Amino acid sequence: GELLNAAGNGELRNFSVDRQLIKSGYTQVVVDVRG
């Protein structure tokens, strides 16, 4: 339950992509590190 709470409380958006942030006027870049 704590894991699901974390996902719903912003952890998932911080880990992947926050579309609300992008729609508010930010560009987000996700890059694979070398190798």
PDB file of all heavy atoms in Angstrom:
ATOM      1  N   GLY A   1       0.821  -1.206   0.000  1.00  0.00           N
ATOM      2  CA  GLY A   1       0.000   0.000   0.000  1.00  0.00           C
ATOM      3  C   GLY A   1       0.853   1.253   0.000  1.00  0.00           C
ATOM      4  O   GLY A   1       0.538   2.235  -0.678  1.00  0.00           O
ATOM      5  N   GLU A   2       1.960   1.236   0.747  1.00  0.00           N
ATOM      6  CA  GLU A   2       2.871   2.376   0.769  1.00  0.00           C
ATOM      7  C   GLU A   2       3.479   2.607  -0.607  1.00  0.00           C
ATOM      8  O   GLU A   2       3.659   3.759  -1.036  1.00  0.00           O
ATOM      9  CB  GLU A   2       3.965   2.140   1.810  1.00  0.00           C
ATOM     10  CG  GLU A   2       3.454   2.120   3.247  1.00  0.00           C
ATOM     11  CD  GLU A   2       4.466   1.543   4.221  1.00  0.00           C
ATOM     12  OE1 GLU A   2       5.631   1.311   3.815  1.00  0.00           O
ATOM     13  OE2 GLU A   2       4.105   1.312   5.390  1.00  0.00           O
ATOM     14  N   LEU A   3       3.800   1.529  -1.321  1.00  0.00           N
ATOM     15  CA  LEU A   3       4.356   1.653  -2.665  1.00  0.00           C
ATOM     16  C   LEU A   3       3.360   2.330  -3.605  1.00  0.00           C
ATOM     17  O   LEU A   3       3.715   3.227  -4.381  1.00  0.00           O
ATOM     18  CB  LEU A   3       4.738   0.275  -3.208  1.00  0.00           C
ATOM     19  CG  LEU A   3       5.299   0.239  -4.630  1.00  0.00           C
ATOM     20  CD1 LEU A   3       6.625   0.990  -4.708  1.00  0.00           C
ATOM     21  CD2 LEU A   3       5.476  -1.203  -5.096  1.00  0.00           C
ATOM     22  N   LEU A   4       2.086   1.916  -3.539  1.00  0.00           N
ATOM     23  CA  LEU A   4       1.065   2.533  -4.381  1.00  0.00           C
ATOM     24  C   LEU A   4       0.831   3.986  -3.982  1.00  0.00           C
ATOM     25  O   LEU A   4       0.660   4.853  -4.851  1.00  0.00           O
ATOM     26  CB  LEU A   4      -0.232   1.734  -4.286  1.00  0.00           C
ATOM     27  CG  LEU A   4      -0.196   0.311  -4.857  1.00  0.00           C
ATOM     28  CD1 LEU A   4      -1.525  -0.393  -4.626  1.00  0.00           C
ATOM     29  CD2 LEU A   4       0.149   0.323  -6.339  1.00  0.00           C
ATOM     30  N   ASN A   5       0.831   4.260  -2.673  1.00  0.00           N
ATOM     31  CA  ASN A   5       0.695   5.646  -2.221  1.00  0.00           C
ATOM     32  C   ASN A   5       1.814   6.510  -2.788  1.00  0.00           C
ATOM     33  O   ASN A   5       1.578   7.631  -3.248  1.00  0.00           O
ATOM     34  CB  ASN A   5       0.732   5.725  -0.694  1.00  0.00           C
ATOM     35  CG  ASN A   5      -0.469   5.110  -0.012  1.00  0.00           C
ATOM     36  OD1 ASN A   5      -0.400   4.757   1.156  1.00  0.00           O
ATOM     37  ND2 ASN A   5      -1.572   4.955  -0.730  1.00  0.00           N
ATOM     38  N   ALA A   6       3.043   5.983  -2.761  1.00  0.00           N
ATOM     39  CA  ALA A   6       4.187   6.737  -3.283  1.00  0.00           C
ATOM     40  C   ALA A   6       3.998   7.054  -4.762  1.00  0.00           C
ATOM     41  O   ALA A   6       4.235   8.181  -5.209  1.00  0.00           O
ATOM     42  CB  ALA A   6       5.479   5.956  -3.056  1.00  0.00           C
ATOM     43  N   ALA A   7       3.566   6.048  -5.524  1.00  0.00           N
ATOM     44  CA  ALA A   7       3.350   6.258  -6.962  1.00  0.00           C
ATOM     45  C   ALA A   7       2.315   7.347  -7.203  1.00  0.00           C
ATOM     46  O   ALA A   7       2.483   8.208  -8.082  1.00  0.00           O
ATOM     47  CB  ALA A   7       2.915   4.953  -7.622  1.00  0.00           C
ATOM     48  N   GLY A   8       1.238   7.335  -6.424  1.00  0.00           N
ATOM     49  CA  GLY A   8       0.194   8.333  -6.591  1.00  0.00           C
ATOM     50  C   GLY A   8       0.557   9.699  -6.062  1.00  0.00           C
ATOM     51  O   GLY A   8      -0.026  10.707  -6.464  1.00  0.00           O
ATOM     52  N   ASN A   9       1.543   9.745  -5.155  1.00  0.00           N
ATOM     53  CA  ASN A   9       1.906  11.006  -4.514  1.00  0.00           C
ATOM     54  C   ASN A   9       3.079  11.706  -5.194  1.00  0.00           C
ATOM     55  O   ASN A   9       3.772  12.508  -4.568  1.00  0.00           O
ATOM     56  CB  ASN A   9       2.225  10.774  -3.030  1.00  0.00           C
ATOM     57  CG  ASN A   9       0.985  10.492  -2.214  1.00  0.00           C
ATOM     58  OD1 ASN A   9      -0.123  10.808  -2.625  1.00  0.00           O
ATOM     59  ND2 ASN A   9       1.163   9.876  -1.052  1.00  0.00           N
ATOM     60  N   GLY A  10       3.324  11.374  -6.450  1.00  0.00           N
ATOM     61  CA  GLY A  10       4.306  12.131  -7.219  1.00  0.00           C
ATOM     62  C   GLY A  10       5.562  11.390  -7.583  1.00  0.00           C
ATOM     63  O   GLY A  10       6.298  11.811  -8.475  1.00  0.00           O
ATOM     64  N   GLU A  11       5.855  10.268  -6.918  1.00  0.00           N
ATOM     65  CA  GLU A  11       7.096   9.551  -7.191  1.00  0.00           C
ATOM     66  C   GLU A  11       7.158   9.080  -8.642  1.00  0.00           C
ATOM     67  O   GLU A  11       8.209   9.151  -9.287  1.00  0.00           O
ATOM     68  CB  GLU A  11       7.235   8.353  -6.248  1.00  0.00           C
ATOM     69  CG  GLU A  11       8.557   7.610  -6.388  1.00  0.00           C
ATOM     70  CD  GLU A  11       8.605   6.350  -5.548  1.00  0.00           C
ATOM     71  OE1 GLU A  11       7.679   5.523  -5.683  1.00  0.00           O
ATOM     72  OE2 GLU A  11       9.555   6.195  -4.757  1.00  0.00           O
ATOM     73  N   LEU A  12       6.027   8.610  -9.168  1.00  0.00           N
ATOM     74  CA  LEU A  12       6.005   8.103 -10.540  1.00  0.00           C
ATOM     75  C   LEU A  12       6.306   9.214 -11.539  1.00  0.00           C
ATOM     76  O   LEU A  12       7.073   9.029 -12.488  1.00  0.00           O
ATOM     77  CB  LEU A  12       4.655   7.462 -10.848  1.00  0.00           C
ATOM     78  CG  LEU A  12       4.556   6.706 -12.171  1.00  0.00           C
ATOM     79  CD1 LEU A  12       5.519   5.534 -12.186  1.00  0.00           C
ATOM     80  CD2 LEU A  12       3.135   6.213 -12.407  1.00  0.00           C
ATOM     81  N   ARG A  13       5.726  10.389 -11.326  1.00  0.00           N
ATOM     82  CA  ARG A  13       5.986  11.510 -12.222  1.00  0.00           C
ATOM     83  C   ARG A  13       7.427  11.981 -12.112  1.00  0.00           C
ATOM     84  O   ARG A  13       8.031  12.403 -13.099  1.00  0.00           O
ATOM     85  CB  ARG A  13       5.027  12.662 -11.915  1.00  0.00           C
ATOM     86  CG  ARG A  13       3.612  12.439 -12.459  1.00  0.00           C
ATOM     87  CD  ARG A  13       2.662  13.523 -12.023  1.00  0.00           C
ATOM     88  NE  ARG A  13       1.391  13.466 -12.760  1.00  0.00           N
ATOM     89  CZ  ARG A  13       0.286  14.087 -12.387  1.00  0.00           C
ATOM     90  NH1 ARG A  13       0.278  14.811 -11.278  1.00  0.00           N
ATOM     91  NH2 ARG A  13      -0.807  13.994 -13.116  1.00  0.00           N
ATOM     92  N   ASN A  14       7.993  11.916 -10.908  1.00  0.00           N
ATOM     93  CA  ASN A  14       9.377  12.339 -10.747  1.00  0.00           C
ATOM     94  C   ASN A  14      10.323  11.356 -11.416  1.00  0.00           C
ATOM     95  O   ASN A  14      11.345  11.743 -11.976  1.00  0.00           O
ATOM     96  CB  ASN A  14       9.710  12.476  -9.255  1.00  0.00           C
ATOM     97  CG  ASN A  14      11.062  13.118  -9.031  1.00  0.00           C
ATOM     98  OD1 ASN A  14      12.072  12.455  -9.068  1.00  0.00           O
ATOM     99  ND2 ASN A  14      11.061  14.427  -8.794  1.00  0.00           N
ATOM    100  N   PHE A  15       9.967  10.080 -11.385  1.00  0.00           N
ATOM    101  CA  PHE A  15      10.815   9.051 -11.979  1.00  0.00           C
ATOM    102  C   PHE A  15      10.754   9.078 -13.501  1.00  0.00           C
ATOM    103  O   PHE A  15      11.772   8.877 -14.173  1.00  0.00           O
ATOM    104  CB  PHE A  15      10.393   7.665 -11.482  1.00  0.00           C
ATOM    105  CG  PHE A  15      11.135   6.532 -12.139  1.00  0.00           C
ATOM    106  CD1 PHE A  15      12.438   6.250 -11.790  1.00  0.00           C
ATOM    107  CD2 PHE A  15      10.528   5.754 -13.120  1.00  0.00           C
ATOM    108  CE1 PHE A  15      13.134   5.209 -12.394  1.00  0.00           C
ATOM    109  CE2 PHE A  15      11.206   4.721 -13.733  1.00  0.00           C
ATOM    110  CZ  PHE A  15      12.508   4.444 -13.371  1.00  0.00           C
ATOM    111  N   SER A  16       9.573   9.314 -14.052  1.00  0.00           N
ATOM    112  CA  SER A  16       9.422   9.206 -15.505  1.00  0.00           C
ATOM    113  C   SER A  16       9.236  10.580 -16.131  1.00  0.00           C
ATOM    114  O   SER A  16      10.192  11.302 -16.379  1.00  0.00           O
ATOM    115  CB  SER A  16       8.254   8.276 -15.846  1.00  0.00           C
ATOM    116  OG  SER A  16       7.031   8.740 -15.269  1.00  0.00           O
ATOM    117  N   VAL A  17       7.999  10.953 -16.408  1.00  0.00           N
ATOM    118  CA  VAL A  17       7.692  12.208 -17.085  1.00  0.00           C
ATOM    119  C   VAL A  17       6.488  12.845 -16.399  1.00  0.00           C
ATOM    120  O   VAL A  17       5.521  12.156 -16.079  1.00  0.00           O
ATOM    121  CB  VAL A  17       7.375  11.970 -18.580  1.00  0.00           C
ATOM    122  CG1 VAL A  17       6.937  13.264 -19.245  1.00  0.00           C
ATOM    123  CG2 VAL A  17       8.586  11.398 -19.302  1.00  0.00           C
ATOM    124  N   ASP A  18       6.559  14.137 -16.177  1.00  0.00           N
ATOM    125  CA  ASP A  18       5.445  14.859 -15.567  1.00  0.00           C
ATOM    126  C   ASP A  18       4.758  15.680 -16.660  1.00  0.00           C
ATOM    127  O   ASP A  18       5.202  16.775 -17.014  1.00  0.00           O
ATOM    128  CB  ASP A  18       5.947  15.767 -14.451  1.00  0.00           C
ATOM    129  CG  ASP A  18       4.811  16.445 -13.689  1.00  0.00           C
ATOM    130  OD1 ASP A  18       3.661  16.399 -14.174  1.00  0.00           O
ATOM    131  OD2 ASP A  18       5.078  17.022 -12.625  1.00  0.00           O
ATOM    132  N   ARG A  19       3.663  15.148 -17.215  1.00  0.00           N
ATOM    133  CA  ARG A  19       2.974  15.837 -18.305  1.00  0.00           C
ATOM    134  C   ARG A  19       2.345  17.152 -17.855  1.00  0.00           C
ATOM    135  O   ARG A  19       2.232  18.093 -18.644  1.00  0.00           O
ATOM    136  CB  ARG A  19       1.906  14.919 -18.914  1.00  0.00           C
ATOM    137  CG  ARG A  19       2.519  13.843 -19.802  1.00  0.00           C
ATOM    138  CD  ARG A  19       1.497  12.952 -20.463  1.00  0.00           C
ATOM    139  NE  ARG A  19       2.162  12.094 -21.452  1.00  0.00           N
ATOM    140  CZ  ARG A  19       2.036  12.231 -22.775  1.00  0.00           C
ATOM    141  NH1 ARG A  19       1.248  13.160 -23.266  1.00  0.00           N
ATOM    142  NH2 ARG A  19       2.678  11.432 -23.593  1.00  0.00           N
ATOM    143  N   GLN A  20       1.927  17.229 -16.596  1.00  0.00           N
ATOM    144  CA  GLN A  20       1.392  18.496 -16.098  1.00  0.00           C
ATOM    145  C   GLN A  20       2.469  19.578 -16.136  1.00  0.00           C
ATOM    146  O   GLN A  20       2.197  20.732 -16.475  1.00  0.00           O
ATOM    147  CB  GLN A  20       0.851  18.325 -14.679  1.00  0.00           C
ATOM    148  CG  GLN A  20      -0.432  17.524 -14.585  1.00  0.00           C
ATOM    149  CD  GLN A  20      -1.599  18.241 -15.226  1.00  0.00           C
ATOM    150  OE1 GLN A  20      -1.912  18.031 -16.405  1.00  0.00           O
ATOM    151  NE2 GLN A  20      -2.260  19.100 -14.455  1.00  0.00           N
ATOM    152  N   LEU A  21       3.667  19.203 -15.775  1.00  0.00           N
ATOM    153  CA  LEU A  21       4.784  20.143 -15.811  1.00  0.00           C
ATOM    154  C   LEU A  21       5.043  20.607 -17.241  1.00  0.00           C
ATOM    155  O   LEU A  21       5.223  21.807 -17.506  1.00  0.00           O
ATOM    156  CB  LEU A  21       6.034  19.471 -15.234  1.00  0.00           C
ATOM    157  CG  LEU A  21       7.281  20.342 -15.066  1.00  0.00           C
ATOM    158  CD1 LEU A  21       7.099  21.330 -13.935  1.00  0.00           C
ATOM    159  CD2 LEU A  21       8.504  19.458 -14.809  1.00  0.00           C
ATOM    160  N   ILE A  22       5.052  19.669 -18.181  1.00  0.00           N
ATOM    161  CA  ILE A  22       5.318  19.998 -19.593  1.00  0.00           C
ATOM    162  C   ILE A  22       4.213  20.895 -20.145  1.00  0.00           C
ATOM    163  O   ILE A  22       4.488  21.918 -20.795  1.00  0.00           O
ATOM    164  CB  ILE A  22       5.441  18.707 -20.419  1.00  0.00           C
ATOM    165  CG1 ILE A  22       6.636  17.889 -19.932  1.00  0.00           C
ATOM    166  CG2 ILE A  22       5.600  19.020 -21.900  1.00  0.00           C
ATOM    167  CD1 ILE A  22       6.624  16.450 -20.395  1.00  0.00           C
ATOM    168  N   LYS A  23       2.961  20.549 -19.868  1.00  0.00           N
ATOM    169  CA  LYS A  23       1.844  21.351 -20.378  1.00  0.00           C
ATOM    170  C   LYS A  23       1.820  22.756 -19.793  1.00  0.00           C
ATOM    171  O   LYS A  23       1.196  23.656 -20.356  1.00  0.00           O
ATOM    172  CB  LYS A  23       0.519  20.641 -20.084  1.00  0.00           C
ATOM    173  CG  LYS A  23       0.309  19.355 -20.879  1.00  0.00           C
ATOM    174  CD  LYS A  23      -1.002  18.686 -20.475  1.00  0.00           C
ATOM    175  CE  LYS A  23      -1.236  17.399 -21.241  1.00  0.00           C
ATOM    176  NZ  LYS A  23      -2.503  16.731 -20.838  1.00  0.00           N
ATOM    177  N   SER A  24       2.478  22.935 -18.660  1.00  0.00           N
ATOM    178  CA  SER A  24       2.508  24.266 -18.050  1.00  0.00           C
ATOM    179  C   SER A  24       3.595  25.149 -18.655  1.00  0.00           C
ATOM    180  O   SER A  24       3.726  26.315 -18.270  1.00  0.00           O
ATOM    181  CB  SER A  24       2.731  24.148 -16.538  1.00  0.00           C
ATOM    182  OG  SER A  24       4.065  23.771 -16.253  1.00  0.00           O
ATOM    183  N   GLY A  25       4.367  24.594 -19.589  1.00  0.00           N
ATOM    184  CA  GLY A  25       5.367  25.417 -20.260  1.00  0.00           C
ATOM    185  C   GLY A  25       6.798  25.061 -19.941  1.00  0.00           C
ATOM    186  O   GLY A  25       7.651  25.947 -19.822  1.00  0.00           O
ATOM    187  N   TYR A  26       7.066  23.775 -19.798  1.00  0.00           N
ATOM    188  CA  TYR A  26       8.437  23.288 -19.648  1.00  0.00           C
ATOM    189  C   TYR A  26       8.705  22.259 -20.741  1.00  0.00           C
ATOM    190  O   TYR A  26       7.795  21.514 -21.143  1.00  0.00           O
ATOM    191  CB  TYR A  26       8.649  22.601 -18.295  1.00  0.00           C
ATOM    192  CG  TYR A  26       8.645  23.515 -17.101  1.00  0.00           C
ATOM    193  CD1 TYR A  26       7.450  23.864 -16.475  1.00  0.00           C
ATOM    194  CD2 TYR A  26       9.828  24.025 -16.578  1.00  0.00           C
ATOM    195  CE1 TYR A  26       7.427  24.699 -15.367  1.00  0.00           C
ATOM    196  CE2 TYR A  26       9.821  24.857 -15.467  1.00  0.00           C
ATOM    197  CZ  TYR A  26       8.622  25.191 -14.867  1.00  0.00           C
ATOM    198  OH  TYR A  26       8.617  26.017 -13.769  1.00  0.00           O
ATOM    199  N   THR A  27       9.948  22.179 -21.193  1.00  0.00           N
ATOM    200  CA  THR A  27      10.387  21.061 -22.027  1.00  0.00           C
ATOM    201  C   THR A  27      11.106  20.072 -21.120  1.00  0.00           C
ATOM    202  O   THR A  27      11.910  20.481 -20.270  1.00  0.00           O
ATOM    203  CB  THR A  27      11.341  21.535 -23.137  1.00  0.00           C
ATOM    204  OG1 THR A  27      10.667  22.482 -23.956  1.00  0.00           O
ATOM    205  CG2 THR A  27      11.792  20.370 -24.000  1.00  0.00           C
ATOM    206  N   GLN A  28      10.791  18.783 -21.260  1.00  0.00           N
ATOM    207  CA  GLN A  28      11.466  17.769 -20.451  1.00  0.00           C
ATOM    208  C   GLN A  28      12.283  16.864 -21.361  1.00  0.00           C
ATOM    209  O   GLN A  28      11.816  16.434 -22.423  1.00  0.00           O
ATOM    210  CB  GLN A  28      10.476  16.946 -19.633  1.00  0.00           C
ATOM    211  CG  GLN A  28      11.170  15.965 -18.690  1.00  0.00           C
ATOM    212  CD  GLN A  28      10.294  15.545 -17.523  1.00  0.00           C
ATOM    213  OE1 GLN A  28       9.114  15.838 -17.477  1.00  0.00           O
ATOM    214  NE2 GLN A  28      10.885  14.848 -16.567  1.00  0.00           N
ATOM    215  N   VAL A  29      13.520  16.582 -20.949  1.00  0.00           N
ATOM    216  CA  VAL A  29      14.432  15.745 -21.715  1.00  0.00           C
ATOM    217  C   VAL A  29      14.841  14.554 -20.852  1.00  0.00           C
ATOM    218  O   VAL A  29      15.333  14.739 -19.732  1.00  0.00           O
ATOM    219  CB  VAL A  29      15.684  16.534 -22.146  1.00  0.00           C
ATOM    220  CG1 VAL A  29      16.613  15.657 -22.980  1.00  0.00           C
ATOM    221  CG2 VAL A  29      15.298  17.781 -22.916  1.00  0.00           C
ATOM    222  N   VAL A  30      14.609  13.336 -21.349  1.00  0.00           N
ATOM    223  CA  VAL A  30      15.001  12.114 -20.647  1.00  0.00           C
ATOM    224  C   VAL A  30      16.072  11.421 -21.488  1.00  0.00           C
ATOM    225  O   VAL A  30      15.816  11.064 -22.645  1.00  0.00           O
ATOM    226  CB  VAL A  30      13.805  11.175 -20.421  1.00  0.00           C
ATOM    227  CG1 VAL A  30      14.248   9.932 -19.650  1.00  0.00           C
ATOM    228  CG2 VAL A  30      12.691  11.901 -19.670  1.00  0.00           C
ATOM    229  N   VAL A  31      17.263  11.238 -20.918  1.00  0.00           N
ATOM    230  CA  VAL A  31      18.420  10.748 -21.665  1.00  0.00           C
ATOM    231  C   VAL A  31      18.949   9.461 -21.043  1.00  0.00           C
ATOM    232  O   VAL A  31      19.106   9.365 -19.823  1.00  0.00           O
ATOM    233  CB  VAL A  31      19.543  11.809 -21.689  1.00  0.00           C
ATOM    234  CG1 VAL A  31      20.742  11.314 -22.495  1.00  0.00           C
ATOM    235  CG2 VAL A  31      19.028  13.132 -22.244  1.00  0.00           C
ATOM    236  N   ASP A  32      19.229   8.459 -21.895  1.00  0.00           N
ATOM    237  CA  ASP A  32      19.925   7.258 -21.429  1.00  0.00           C
ATOM    238  C   ASP A  32      21.389   7.597 -21.183  1.00  0.00           C
ATOM    239  O   ASP A  32      22.069   8.116 -22.081  1.00  0.00           O
ATOM    240  CB  ASP A  32      19.857   6.151 -22.493  1.00  0.00           C
ATOM    241  CG  ASP A  32      18.458   5.607 -22.704  1.00  0.00           C
ATOM    242  OD1 ASP A  32      17.701   5.537 -21.719  1.00  0.00           O
ATOM    243  OD2 ASP A  32      18.126   5.257 -23.852  1.00  0.00           O
ATOM    244  N   VAL A  33      21.902   7.313 -19.978  1.00  0.00           N
ATOM    245  CA  VAL A  33      23.315   7.582 -19.735  1.00  0.00           C
ATOM    246  C   VAL A  33      24.170   6.662 -20.608  1.00  0.00           C
ATOM    247  O   VAL A  33      23.723   5.604 -21.083  1.00  0.00           O
ATOM    248  CB  VAL A  33      23.695   7.412 -18.251  1.00  0.00           C
ATOM    249  CG1 VAL A  33      22.894   8.347 -17.363  1.00  0.00           C
ATOM    250  CG2 VAL A  33      23.548   5.976 -17.785  1.00  0.00           C
ATOM    251  N   ARG A  34      25.384   7.072 -20.816  1.00  0.00           N
ATOM    252  CA  ARG A  34      26.340   6.336 -21.637  1.00  0.00           C
ATOM    253  C   ARG A  34      26.332   4.842 -21.284  1.00  0.00           C
ATOM    254  O   ARG A  34      26.411   4.452 -20.120  1.00  0.00           O
ATOM    255  CB  ARG A  34      27.725   6.923 -21.382  1.00  0.00           C
ATOM    256  CG  ARG A  34      28.901   6.180 -21.954  1.00  0.00           C
ATOM    257  CD  ARG A  34      30.194   6.837 -21.517  1.00  0.00           C
ATOM    258  NE  ARG A  34      30.285   8.214 -22.017  1.00  0.00           N
ATOM    259  CZ  ARG A  34      31.050   8.593 -23.023  1.00  0.00           C
ATOM    260  NH1 ARG A  34      31.825   7.710 -23.640  1.00  0.00           N
ATOM    261  NH2 ARG A  34      31.063   9.851 -23.413  1.00  0.00           N
ATOM    262  N   GLY A  35      26.225   4.012 -22.334  1.00  0.00           N
ATOM    263  CA  GLY A  35      26.323   2.570 -22.141  1.00  0.00           C
ATOM    264  C   GLY A  35      25.058   1.904 -21.649  1.00  0.00           C
ATOM    265  O   GLY A  35      25.065   0.712 -21.346  1.00  0.00           O
TER     266      GLY A  35
END
